[in-house]
Each structure stands twice: as C-alpha cells, then as structure tokens.
PDB file of N, CA and C in Angstrom:
ATOM      1  N   UNK A   1     162.941 123.787 133.228  1.00  0.00           N
ATOM      2  CA  UNK A   1     164.311 123.260 133.365  1.00  0.00           C
ATOM      3  C   UNK A   1     164.244 121.931 134.119  1.00  0.00           C
ATOM      4  N   UNK A   2     164.930 120.951 133.601  1.00  0.00           N
ATOM      5  CA  UNK A   2     164.920 119.641 134.228  1.00  0.00           C
ATOM      6  C   UNK A   2     165.653 119.697 135.563  1.00  0.00           C
ATOM      7  N   UNK A   3     165.321 118.736 136.425  1.00  0.00           N
ATOM      8  CA  UNK A   3     165.958 118.657 137.742  1.00  0.00           C
ATOM      9  C   UNK A   3     167.478 118.550 137.606  1.00  0.00           C
ATOM     10  N   UNK A   4     167.926 117.720 136.649  1.00  0.00           N
ATOM     11  CA  UNK A   4     169.362 117.528 136.459  1.00  0.00           C
ATOM     12  C   UNK A   4     170.032 118.835 136.048  1.00  0.00           C
ATOM     13  N   UNK A   5     169.407 119.557 135.134  1.00  0.00           N
ATOM     14  CA  UNK A   5     169.975 120.824 134.664  1.00  0.00           C
ATOM     15  C   UNK A   5     170.058 121.820 135.822  1.00  0.00           C
ATOM     16  N   UNK A   6     169.033 121.837 136.660  1.00  0.00           N
ATOM     17  CA  UNK A   6     169.030 122.746 137.816  1.00  0.00           C
ATOM     18  C   UNK A   6     170.161 122.370 138.771  1.00  0.00           C
ATOM     19  N   UNK A   7     170.346 121.075 138.992  1.00  0.00           N
ATOM     20  CA  UNK A   7     171.400 120.595 139.889  1.00  0.00           C
ATOM     21  C   UNK A   7     172.771 121.002 139.365  1.00  0.00           C
ATOM     22  N   UNK A   8     172.992 120.804 138.062  1.00  0.00           N
ATOM     23  CA  UNK A   8     174.278 121.148 137.468  1.00  0.00           C
ATOM     24  C   UNK A   8     174.500 122.648 137.531  1.00  0.00           C
ATOM     25  N   UNK A   9     173.457 123.414 137.232  1.00  0.00           N
ATOM     26  CA  UNK A   9     173.572 124.866 137.253  1.00  0.00           C
ATOM     27  C   UNK A   9     173.935 125.359 138.653  1.00  0.00           C
ATOM     28  N   UNK A  10     173.309 124.796 139.665  1.00  0.00           N
ATOM     29  CA  UNK A  10     173.625 125.161 141.046  1.00  0.00           C
ATOM     30  C   UNK A  10     175.060 124.755 141.369  1.00  0.00           C
ATOM     31  N   UNK A  11     175.456 123.566 140.960  1.00  0.00           N
ATOM     32  CA  UNK A  11     176.801 123.066 141.253  1.00  0.00           C
ATOM     33  C   UNK A  11     177.867 123.930 140.589  1.00  0.00           C
ATOM     34  N   UNK A  12     177.683 124.292 139.320  1.00  0.00           N
ATOM     35  CA  UNK A  12     178.705 125.099 138.649  1.00  0.00           C
ATOM     36  C   UNK A  12     178.711 126.510 139.215  1.00  0.00           C
ATOM     37  N   UNK A  13     177.556 127.021 139.558  1.00  0.00           N
ATOM     38  CA  UNK A  13     177.463 128.374 140.091  1.00  0.00           C
ATOM     39  C   UNK A  13     178.202 128.563 141.396  1.00  0.00           C
ATOM     40  N   UNK A  14     178.264 127.544 142.239  1.00  0.00           N
ATOM     41  CA  UNK A  14     178.899 127.702 143.548  1.00  0.00           C
ATOM     42  C   UNK A  14     180.424 127.663 143.476  1.00  0.00           C
ATOM     43  N   UNK A  15     180.985 127.117 142.436  1.00  0.00           N
ATOM     44  CA  UNK A  15     182.445 127.070 142.327  1.00  0.00           C
ATOM     45  C   UNK A  15     183.042 128.420 141.951  1.00  0.00           C
ATOM     46  N   UNK A  16     182.317 129.199 141.164  1.00  0.00           N
ATOM     47  CA  UNK A  16     182.854 130.479 140.695  1.00  0.00           C
ATOM     48  C   UNK A  16     183.306 131.400 141.825  1.00  0.00           C
ATOM     49  N   UNK A  17     182.457 131.641 142.865  1.00  0.00           N
ATOM     50  CA  UNK A  17     182.916 132.523 143.940  1.00  0.00           C
ATOM     51  C   UNK A  17     184.107 131.959 144.715  1.00  0.00           C
ATOM     52  N   UNK A  18     184.189 130.647 144.849  1.00  0.00           N
ATOM     53  CA  UNK A  18     185.316 130.034 145.560  1.00  0.00           C
ATOM     54  C   UNK A  18     186.602 130.274 144.769  1.00  0.00           C
ATOM     55  N   UNK A  19     186.548 130.042 143.464  1.00  0.00           N
ATOM     56  CA  UNK A  19     187.727 130.259 142.614  1.00  0.00           C
ATOM     57  C   UNK A  19     188.128 131.735 142.652  1.00  0.00           C
ATOM     58  N   UNK A  20     187.139 132.635 142.576  1.00  0.00           N
ATOM     59  CA  UNK A  20     187.446 134.078 142.629  1.00  0.00           C
ATOM     60  C   UNK A  20     188.143 134.439 143.933  1.00  0.00           C
ATOM     61  N   UNK A  21     187.669 133.890 145.053  1.00  0.00           N
ATOM     62  CA  UNK A  21     188.268 134.206 146.356  1.00  0.00           C
ATOM     63  C   UNK A  21     189.689 133.657 146.461  1.00  0.00           C
ATOM     64  N   UNK A  22     189.919 132.473 145.911  1.00  0.00           N
ATOM     65  CA  UNK A  22     191.273 131.925 145.924  1.00  0.00           C
ATOM     66  C   UNK A  22     192.216 132.808 145.109  1.00  0.00           C
ATOM     67  N   UNK A  23     191.725 133.335 143.999  1.00  0.00           N
ATOM     68  CA  UNK A  23     192.545 134.226 143.183  1.00  0.00           C
ATOM     69  C   UNK A  23     192.866 135.499 143.962  1.00  0.00           C
ATOM     70  N   UNK A  24     191.898 135.992 144.727  1.00  0.00           N
ATOM     71  CA  UNK A  24     192.142 137.163 145.581  1.00  0.00           C
ATOM     72  C   UNK A  24     193.269 136.858 146.569  1.00  0.00           C
ATOM     73  N   UNK A  25     193.279 135.630 147.114  1.00  0.00           N
ATOM     74  CA  UNK A  25     194.320 135.248 148.066  1.00  0.00           C
ATOM     75  C   UNK A  25     195.709 135.217 147.422  1.00  0.00           C
ATOM     76  N   UNK A  26     195.754 135.144 146.108  1.00  0.00           N
ATOM     77  CA  UNK A  26     197.039 135.179 145.412  1.00  0.00           C
ATOM     78  C   UNK A  26     197.473 136.617 145.129  1.00  0.00           C
ATOM     79  N   UNK A  27     196.609 137.576 145.438  1.00  0.00           N
ATOM     80  CA  UNK A  27     196.883 138.986 145.156  1.00  0.00           C
ATOM     81  C   UNK A  27     197.859 139.619 146.139  1.00  0.00           C
ATOM     82  N   UNK A  28     198.163 140.870 145.892  1.00  0.00           N
ATOM     83  CA  UNK A  28     199.173 141.617 146.661  1.00  0.00           C
ATOM     84  C   UNK A  28     198.927 141.647 148.160  1.00  0.00           C
ATOM     85  N   UNK A  29     197.660 141.814 148.536  1.00  0.00           N
ATOM     86  CA  UNK A  29     197.341 141.954 149.959  1.00  0.00           C
ATOM     87  C   UNK A  29     197.790 140.734 150.772  1.00  0.00           C
ATOM     88  N   UNK A  30     197.859 139.583 150.125  1.00  0.00           N
ATOM     89  CA  UNK A  30     198.170 138.336 150.831  1.00  0.00           C
ATOM     90  C   UNK A  30     199.565 137.802 150.484  1.00  0.00           C
ATOM     91  N   UNK A  31     200.407 138.644 149.882  1.00  0.00           N
ATOM     92  CA  UNK A  31     201.740 138.202 149.437  1.00  0.00           C
ATOM     93  C   UNK A  31     202.602 137.663 150.577  1.00  0.00           C
ATOM     94  N   UNK A  32     202.350 138.140 151.794  1.00  0.00           N
ATOM     95  CA  UNK A  32     203.209 137.704 152.908  1.00  0.00           C
ATOM     96  C   UNK A  32     202.999 136.226 153.259  1.00  0.00           C
ATOM     97  N   UNK A  33     201.929 135.628 152.767  1.00  0.00           N
ATOM     98  CA  UNK A  33     201.680 134.209 153.040  1.00  0.00           C
ATOM     99  C   UNK A  33     202.297 133.347 151.952  1.00  0.00           C
ATOM    100  N   UNK A  34     203.600 133.503 151.783  1.00  0.00           N
ATOM    101  CA  UNK A  34     204.315 132.800 150.709  1.00  0.00           C
ATOM    102  C   UNK A  34     204.185 131.283 150.825  1.00  0.00           C
ATOM    103  N   UNK A  35     204.114 130.799 152.050  1.00  0.00           N
ATOM    104  CA  UNK A  35     204.096 129.341 152.254  1.00  0.00           C
ATOM    105  C   UNK A  35     202.859 128.679 151.649  1.00  0.00           C
ATOM    106  N   UNK A  36     201.779 129.423 151.485  1.00  0.00           N
ATOM    107  CA  UNK A  36     200.560 128.789 150.984  1.00  0.00           C
ATOM    108  C   UNK A  36     200.243 129.125 149.530  1.00  0.00           C
ATOM    109  N   UNK A  37     201.026 129.983 148.904  1.00  0.00           N
ATOM    110  CA  UNK A  37     200.726 130.401 147.524  1.00  0.00           C
ATOM    111  C   UNK A  37     200.692 129.226 146.548  1.00  0.00           C
ATOM    112  N   UNK A  38     201.672 128.319 146.672  1.00  0.00           N
ATOM    113  CA  UNK A  38     201.729 127.163 145.773  1.00  0.00           C
ATOM    114  C   UNK A  38     200.494 126.283 145.971  1.00  0.00           C
ATOM    115  N   UNK A  39     200.112 126.089 147.240  1.00  0.00           N
ATOM    116  CA  UNK A  39     198.926 125.283 147.557  1.00  0.00           C
ATOM    117  C   UNK A  39     197.659 125.918 146.975  1.00  0.00           C
ATOM    118  N   UNK A  40     197.565 127.243 147.091  1.00  0.00           N
ATOM    119  CA  UNK A  40     196.379 127.934 146.585  1.00  0.00           C
ATOM    120  C   UNK A  40     196.300 127.823 145.065  1.00  0.00           C
ATOM    121  N   UNK A  41     197.456 127.966 144.394  1.00  0.00           N
ATOM    122  CA  UNK A  41     197.465 127.830 142.930  1.00  0.00           C
ATOM    123  C   UNK A  41     197.016 126.429 142.524  1.00  0.00           C
ATOM    124  N   UNK A  42     197.530 125.429 143.210  1.00  0.00           N
ATOM    125  CA  UNK A  42     197.175 124.045 142.917  1.00  0.00           C
ATOM    126  C   UNK A  42     195.679 123.814 143.132  1.00  0.00           C
ATOM    127  N   UNK A  43     195.166 124.313 144.244  1.00  0.00           N
ATOM    128  CA  UNK A  43     193.746 124.174 144.572  1.00  0.00           C
ATOM    129  C   UNK A  43     192.877 124.873 143.530  1.00  0.00           C
ATOM    130  N   UNK A  44     193.301 126.053 143.104  1.00  0.00           N
ATOM    131  CA  UNK A  44     192.550 126.798 142.086  1.00  0.00           C
ATOM    132  C   UNK A  44     192.477 125.997 140.795  1.00  0.00           C
ATOM    133  N   UNK A  45     193.586 125.367 140.417  1.00  0.00           N
ATOM    134  CA  UNK A  45     193.603 124.539 139.201  1.00  0.00           C
ATOM    135  C   UNK A  45     192.668 123.338 139.334  1.00  0.00           C
ATOM    136  N   UNK A  46     192.681 122.698 140.496  1.00  0.00           N
ATOM    137  CA  UNK A  46     191.797 121.553 140.716  1.00  0.00           C
ATOM    138  C   UNK A  46     190.328 121.960 140.623  1.00  0.00           C
ATOM    139  N   UNK A  47     190.001 123.095 141.222  1.00  0.00           N
ATOM    140  CA  UNK A  47     188.616 123.567 141.178  1.00  0.00           C
ATOM    141  C   UNK A  47     188.200 123.951 139.766  1.00  0.00           C
ATOM    142  N   UNK A  48     189.122 124.520 139.004  1.00  0.00           N
ATOM    143  CA  UNK A  48     188.822 124.864 137.611  1.00  0.00           C
ATOM    144  C   UNK A  48     188.525 123.584 136.814  1.00  0.00           C
ATOM    145  N   UNK A  49     189.262 122.512 137.106  1.00  0.00           N
ATOM    146  CA  UNK A  49     189.013 121.229 136.433  1.00  0.00           C
ATOM    147  C   UNK A  49     187.637 120.681 136.829  1.00  0.00           C
ATOM    148  N   UNK A  50     187.281 120.809 138.114  1.00  0.00           N
ATOM    149  CA  UNK A  50     185.955 120.370 138.569  1.00  0.00           C
ATOM    150  C   UNK A  50     184.862 121.174 137.871  1.00  0.00           C
ATOM    151  N   UNK A  51     185.094 122.474 137.758  1.00  0.00           N
ATOM    152  CA  UNK A  51     184.109 123.330 137.107  1.00  0.00           C
ATOM    153  C   UNK A  51     183.932 122.921 135.649  1.00  0.00           C
ATOM    154  N   UNK A  52     185.033 122.598 134.971  1.00  0.00           N
ATOM    155  CA  UNK A  52     184.963 122.165 133.578  1.00  0.00           C
ATOM    156  C   UNK A  52     184.140 120.874 133.462  1.00  0.00           C
ATOM    157  N   UNK A  53     184.354 119.947 134.407  1.00  0.00           N
ATOM    158  CA  UNK A  53     183.574 118.708 134.414  1.00  0.00           C
ATOM    159  C   UNK A  53     182.092 119.009 134.597  1.00  0.00           C
ATOM    160  N   UNK A  54     181.785 119.894 135.536  1.00  0.00           N
ATOM    161  CA  UNK A  54     180.382 120.223 135.794  1.00  0.00           C
ATOM    162  C   UNK A  54     179.737 120.899 134.584  1.00  0.00           C
ATOM    163  N   UNK A  55     180.491 121.740 133.908  1.00  0.00           N
ATOM    164  CA  UNK A  55     179.948 122.374 132.702  1.00  0.00           C
ATOM    165  C   UNK A  55     179.676 121.323 131.632  1.00  0.00           C
ATOM    166  N   UNK A  56     180.583 120.359 131.528  1.00  0.00           N
ATOM    167  CA  UNK A  56     180.384 119.267 130.566  1.00  0.00           C
ATOM    168  C   UNK A  56     179.132 118.470 130.941  1.00  0.00           C
ATOM    169  N   UNK A  57     178.963 118.208 132.237  1.00  0.00           N
ATOM    170  CA  UNK A  57     177.798 117.452 132.703  1.00  0.00           C
ATOM    171  C   UNK A  57     176.503 118.219 132.436  1.00  0.00           C
ATOM    172  N   UNK A  58     176.582 119.551 132.409  1.00  0.00           N
ATOM    173  CA  UNK A  58     175.377 120.350 132.181  1.00  0.00           C
ATOM    174  C   UNK A  58     174.826 120.131 130.772  1.00  0.00           C
ATOM    175  N   UNK A  59     175.664 119.588 129.885  1.00  0.00           N
ATOM    176  CA  UNK A  59     175.219 119.308 128.521  1.00  0.00           C
ATOM    177  C   UNK A  59     174.614 117.912 128.396  1.00  0.00           C
ATOM    178  N   UNK A  60     174.769 117.096 129.440  1.00  0.00           N
ATOM    179  CA  UNK A  60     174.216 115.740 129.430  1.00  0.00           C
ATOM    180  C   UNK A  60     172.703 115.798 129.566  1.00  0.00           C
ATOM    181  N   UNK A  61     172.019 114.996 128.782  1.00  0.00           N
ATOM    182  CA  UNK A  61     170.558 114.921 128.874  1.00  0.00           C
ATOM    183  C   UNK A  61     170.126 114.344 130.220  1.00  0.00           C
ATOM    184  N   UNK A  62     170.782 113.237 130.587  1.00  0.00           N
ATOM    185  CA  UNK A  62     170.358 112.525 131.787  1.00  0.00           C
ATOM    186  C   UNK A  62     171.582 111.961 132.515  1.00  0.00           C
ATOM    187  N   UNK A  63     172.216 112.788 133.384  1.00  0.00           N
ATOM    188  CA  UNK A  63     173.402 112.294 134.105  1.00  0.00           C
ATOM    189  C   UNK A  63     173.051 111.068 134.950  1.00  0.00           C
ATOM    190  N   UNK A  64     173.986 110.134 135.065  1.00  0.00           N
ATOM    191  CA  UNK A  64     173.691 108.939 135.861  1.00  0.00           C
ATOM    192  C   UNK A  64     173.754 109.265 137.355  1.00  0.00           C
ATOM    193  N   UNK A  65     173.358 108.297 138.156  1.00  0.00           N
ATOM    194  CA  UNK A  65     173.246 108.484 139.602  1.00  0.00           C
ATOM    195  C   UNK A  65     174.583 108.906 140.214  1.00  0.00           C
ATOM    196  N   UNK A  66     175.660 108.267 139.771  1.00  0.00           N
ATOM    197  CA  UNK A  66     176.981 108.588 140.315  1.00  0.00           C
ATOM    198  C   UNK A  66     177.368 110.038 139.999  1.00  0.00           C
ATOM    199  N   UNK A  67     177.088 110.486 138.786  1.00  0.00           N
ATOM    200  CA  UNK A  67     177.404 111.868 138.411  1.00  0.00           C
ATOM    201  C   UNK A  67     176.570 112.862 139.224  1.00  0.00           C
ATOM    202  N   UNK A  68     175.303 112.553 139.433  1.00  0.00           N
ATOM    203  CA  UNK A  68     174.438 113.431 140.235  1.00  0.00           C
ATOM    204  C   UNK A  68     174.962 113.519 141.667  1.00  0.00           C
ATOM    205  N   UNK A  69     175.371 112.371 142.212  1.00  0.00           N
ATOM    206  CA  UNK A  69     175.923 112.339 143.569  1.00  0.00           C
ATOM    207  C   UNK A  69     177.181 113.199 143.634  1.00  0.00           C
ATOM    208  N   UNK A  70     178.059 113.043 142.641  1.00  0.00           N
ATOM    209  CA  UNK A  70     179.312 113.789 142.611  1.00  0.00           C
ATOM    210  C   UNK A  70     179.050 115.288 142.520  1.00  0.00           C
ATOM    211  N   UNK A  71     178.093 115.686 141.684  1.00  0.00           N
ATOM    212  CA  UNK A  71     177.763 117.108 141.543  1.00  0.00           C
ATOM    213  C   UNK A  71     177.289 117.680 142.869  1.00  0.00           C
ATOM    214  N   UNK A  72     176.498 116.911 143.589  1.00  0.00           N
ATOM    215  CA  UNK A  72     175.999 117.350 144.893  1.00  0.00           C
ATOM    216  C   UNK A  72     177.152 117.485 145.888  1.00  0.00           C
ATOM    217  N   UNK A  73     178.077 116.524 145.872  1.00  0.00           N
ATOM    218  CA  UNK A  73     179.243 116.571 146.750  1.00  0.00           C
ATOM    219  C   UNK A  73     180.096 117.819 146.478  1.00  0.00           C
ATOM    220  N   UNK A  74     180.293 118.119 145.197  1.00  0.00           N
ATOM    221  CA  UNK A  74     181.075 119.304 144.823  1.00  0.00           C
ATOM    222  C   UNK A  74     180.392 120.564 145.347  1.00  0.00           C
ATOM    223  N   UNK A  75     179.068 120.607 145.238  1.00  0.00           N
ATOM    224  CA  UNK A  75     178.329 121.775 145.718  1.00  0.00           C
ATOM    225  C   UNK A  75     178.537 121.954 147.219  1.00  0.00           C
ATOM    226  N   UNK A  76     178.388 120.879 147.978  1.00  0.00           N
ATOM    227  CA  UNK A  76     178.574 120.950 149.433  1.00  0.00           C
ATOM    228  C   UNK A  76     180.011 121.339 149.786  1.00  0.00           C
ATOM    229  N   UNK A  77     180.962 120.739 149.091  1.00  0.00           N
ATOM    230  CA  UNK A  77     182.379 121.043 149.305  1.00  0.00           C
ATOM    231  C   UNK A  77     182.666 122.521 149.055  1.00  0.00           C
ATOM    232  N   UNK A  78     182.085 123.050 147.995  1.00  0.00           N
ATOM    233  CA  UNK A  78     182.358 124.448 147.663  1.00  0.00           C
ATOM    234  C   UNK A  78     181.819 125.387 148.737  1.00  0.00           C
ATOM    235  N   UNK A  79     180.672 125.046 149.348  1.00  0.00           N
ATOM    236  CA  UNK A  79     180.149 125.876 150.441  1.00  0.00           C
ATOM    237  C   UNK A  79     181.118 125.846 151.624  1.00  0.00           C
ATOM    238  N   UNK A  80     181.612 124.656 151.966  1.00  0.00           N
ATOM    239  CA  UNK A  80     182.556 124.522 153.083  1.00  0.00           C
ATOM    240  C   UNK A  80     183.853 125.294 152.805  1.00  0.00           C
ATOM    241  N   UNK A  81     184.336 125.182 151.564  1.00  0.00           N
ATOM    242  CA  UNK A  81     185.570 125.876 151.209  1.00  0.00           C
ATOM    243  C   UNK A  81     185.381 127.388 151.262  1.00  0.00           C
ATOM    244  N   UNK A  82     184.243 127.853 150.784  1.00  0.00           N
ATOM    245  CA  UNK A  82     183.992 129.293 150.800  1.00  0.00           C
ATOM    246  C   UNK A  82     183.954 129.806 152.237  1.00  0.00           C
ATOM    247  N   UNK A  83     183.343 129.033 153.133  1.00  0.00           N
ATOM    248  CA  UNK A  83     183.319 129.414 154.556  1.00  0.00           C
ATOM    249  C   UNK A  83     184.736 129.489 155.123  1.00  0.00           C
ATOM    250  N   UNK A  84     185.570 128.489 154.794  1.00  0.00           N
ATOM    251  CA  UNK A  84     186.950 128.465 155.298  1.00  0.00           C
ATOM    252  C   UNK A  84     187.745 129.658 154.763  1.00  0.00           C
ATOM    253  N   UNK A  85     187.542 129.983 153.496  1.00  0.00           N
ATOM    254  CA  UNK A  85     188.249 131.124 152.899  1.00  0.00           C
ATOM    255  C   UNK A  85     187.793 132.421 153.562  1.00  0.00           C
ATOM    256  N   UNK A  86     186.480 132.557 153.758  1.00  0.00           N
ATOM    257  CA  UNK A  86     185.941 133.764 154.415  1.00  0.00           C
ATOM    258  C   UNK A  86     186.514 133.913 155.821  1.00  0.00           C
ATOM    259  N   UNK A  87     186.541 132.801 156.566  1.00  0.00           N
ATOM    260  CA  UNK A  87     187.096 132.829 157.934  1.00  0.00           C
ATOM    261  C   UNK A  87     188.549 133.286 157.900  1.00  0.00           C
ATOM    262  N   UNK A  88     189.322 132.728 156.968  1.00  0.00           N
ATOM    263  CA  UNK A  88     190.735 133.080 156.861  1.00  0.00           C
ATOM    264  C   UNK A  88     190.901 134.563 156.523  1.00  0.00           C
ATOM    265  N   UNK A  89     190.137 135.038 155.542  1.00  0.00           N
ATOM    266  CA  UNK A  89     190.259 136.426 155.104  1.00  0.00           C
ATOM    267  C   UNK A  89     189.898 137.391 156.241  1.00  0.00           C
ATOM    268  N   UNK A  90     188.910 137.009 157.060  1.00  0.00           N
ATOM    269  CA  UNK A  90     188.508 137.863 158.175  1.00  0.00           C
ATOM    270  C   UNK A  90     189.554 137.863 159.282  1.00  0.00           C
ATOM    271  N   UNK A  91     190.287 136.769 159.402  1.00  0.00           N
ATOM    272  CA  UNK A  91     191.223 136.650 160.523  1.00  0.00           C
ATOM    273  C   UNK A  91     192.656 137.005 160.142  1.00  0.00           C
ATOM    274  N   UNK A  92     192.871 137.504 158.935  1.00  0.00           N
ATOM    275  CA  UNK A  92     194.220 137.809 158.465  1.00  0.00           C
ATOM    276  C   UNK A  92     194.950 138.767 159.409  1.00  0.00           C
ATOM    277  N   UNK A  93     194.233 139.711 159.997  1.00  0.00           N
ATOM    278  CA  UNK A  93     194.855 140.660 160.914  1.00  0.00           C
ATOM    279  C   UNK A  93     195.197 140.056 162.256  1.00  0.00           C
ATOM    280  N   UNK A  94     194.628 138.898 162.542  1.00  0.00           N
ATOM    281  CA  UNK A  94     194.832 138.230 163.829  1.00  0.00           C
ATOM    282  C   UNK A  94     196.201 137.554 163.851  1.00  0.00           C
ATOM    283  N   UNK A  95     197.003 137.896 164.828  1.00  0.00           N
ATOM    284  CA  UNK A  95     198.374 137.360 164.914  1.00  0.00           C
ATOM    285  C   UNK A  95     198.396 135.836 165.090  1.00  0.00           C
ATOM    286  N   UNK A  96     197.313 135.292 165.647  1.00  0.00           N
ATOM    287  CA  UNK A  96     197.289 133.842 165.894  1.00  0.00           C
ATOM    288  C   UNK A  96     196.982 133.036 164.636  1.00  0.00           C
ATOM    289  N   UNK A  97     196.472 133.690 163.613  1.00  0.00           N
ATOM    290  CA  UNK A  97     196.097 132.968 162.395  1.00  0.00           C
ATOM    291  C   UNK A  97     197.344 132.451 161.693  1.00  0.00           C
ATOM    292  N   UNK A  98     197.349 131.164 161.442  1.00  0.00           N
ATOM    293  CA  UNK A  98     198.475 130.561 160.748  1.00  0.00           C
ATOM    294  C   UNK A  98     198.002 130.080 159.379  1.00  0.00           C
ATOM    295  N   UNK A  99     198.659 130.528 158.315  1.00  0.00           N
ATOM    296  CA  UNK A  99     198.245 130.127 156.966  1.00  0.00           C
ATOM    297  C   UNK A  99     198.201 128.610 156.795  1.00  0.00           C
ATOM    298  N   UNK A 100     199.107 127.911 157.458  1.00  0.00           N
ATOM    299  CA  UNK A 100     199.127 126.449 157.305  1.00  0.00           C
ATOM    300  C   UNK A 100     197.855 125.820 157.868  1.00  0.00           C
ATOM    301  N   UNK A 101     197.301 126.412 158.937  1.00  0.00           N
ATOM    302  CA  UNK A 101     196.032 125.914 159.485  1.00  0.00           C
ATOM    303  C   UNK A 101     194.930 126.063 158.447  1.00  0.00           C
ATOM    304  N   UNK A 102     194.937 127.180 157.743  1.00  0.00           N
ATOM    305  CA  UNK A 102     193.947 127.446 156.693  1.00  0.00           C
ATOM    306  C   UNK A 102     194.046 126.387 155.605  1.00  0.00           C
ATOM    307  N   UNK A 103     195.263 126.105 155.159  1.00  0.00           N
ATOM    308  CA  UNK A 103     195.464 125.121 154.094  1.00  0.00           C
ATOM    309  C   UNK A 103     195.005 123.745 154.555  1.00  0.00           C
ATOM    310  N   UNK A 104     195.305 123.383 155.784  1.00  0.00           N
ATOM    311  CA  UNK A 104     194.845 122.085 156.306  1.00  0.00           C
ATOM    312  C   UNK A 104     193.314 121.998 156.290  1.00  0.00           C
ATOM    313  N   UNK A 105     192.677 123.083 156.711  1.00  0.00           N
ATOM    314  CA  UNK A 105     191.215 123.122 156.754  1.00  0.00           C
ATOM    315  C   UNK A 105     190.647 122.945 155.329  1.00  0.00           C
ATOM    316  N   UNK A 106     191.245 123.638 154.371  1.00  0.00           N
ATOM    317  CA  UNK A 106     190.791 123.551 152.980  1.00  0.00           C
ATOM    318  C   UNK A 106     191.011 122.142 152.428  1.00  0.00           C
ATOM    319  N   UNK A 107     192.170 121.571 152.710  1.00  0.00           N
ATOM    320  CA  UNK A 107     192.463 120.222 152.197  1.00  0.00           C
ATOM    321  C   UNK A 107     191.483 119.201 152.753  1.00  0.00           C
ATOM    322  N   UNK A 108     191.121 119.362 154.024  1.00  0.00           N
ATOM    323  CA  UNK A 108     190.172 118.429 154.635  1.00  0.00           C
ATOM    324  C   UNK A 108     188.815 118.568 153.988  1.00  0.00           C
TER     325      UNK A 108
END
C-alpha cells in the first residue's frame, strides 16, 4: 500500500468513531441538552462532508502536498474532537458541566 493510501485510510478511519459518538449525543440519553442539538447536527454534517472528501482523495493516485497536509490536519482534529466528546460524555452526570462549554471546545 502506498504511503498516500495509508495516510488517507488512517484519516478516513478516524472520522467514523467521531461521527458515531456525535450521533449518540443526539440520542435519547442526551435529549436534555436541547441547546446543543442543532450544533451537533451541523457538526455531524460537516464531518460527513470531510469524510466524503477523504474517501474521494483515497481514489487519487498521488494527492498533492496541500491535500496530504489537509488529510493530516483532519486526522489530528478528529483525535482532539473524540477526546472532547469522551470528556463530555463522562462528565454528563456532573452538575458543573455546561453543554455550551463542550460546544465551544469542539468548535475550537
């Protein structure tokens, strides 16, 4: 497998768990966080678009330098987002946790 193909495969693979976790946040258990539902839906759509781009790039023989850089950035971003989602999900029972803080962290 070429280096580029491996990079794309890693990049697309890391978005799937993030998208799945965001969908979980839209589920019944998290219904009380009405203020962030619209933001989560929007974020899920954006990530799905990124994933589609990465899948398209996986068909490229030789992605250019800018595309390789972007794929790497998406991979790093997805790790950070997954950490933020995990932190939020673990702290849901904590009275101090504010959904808006979570959304700010994700947006950053």
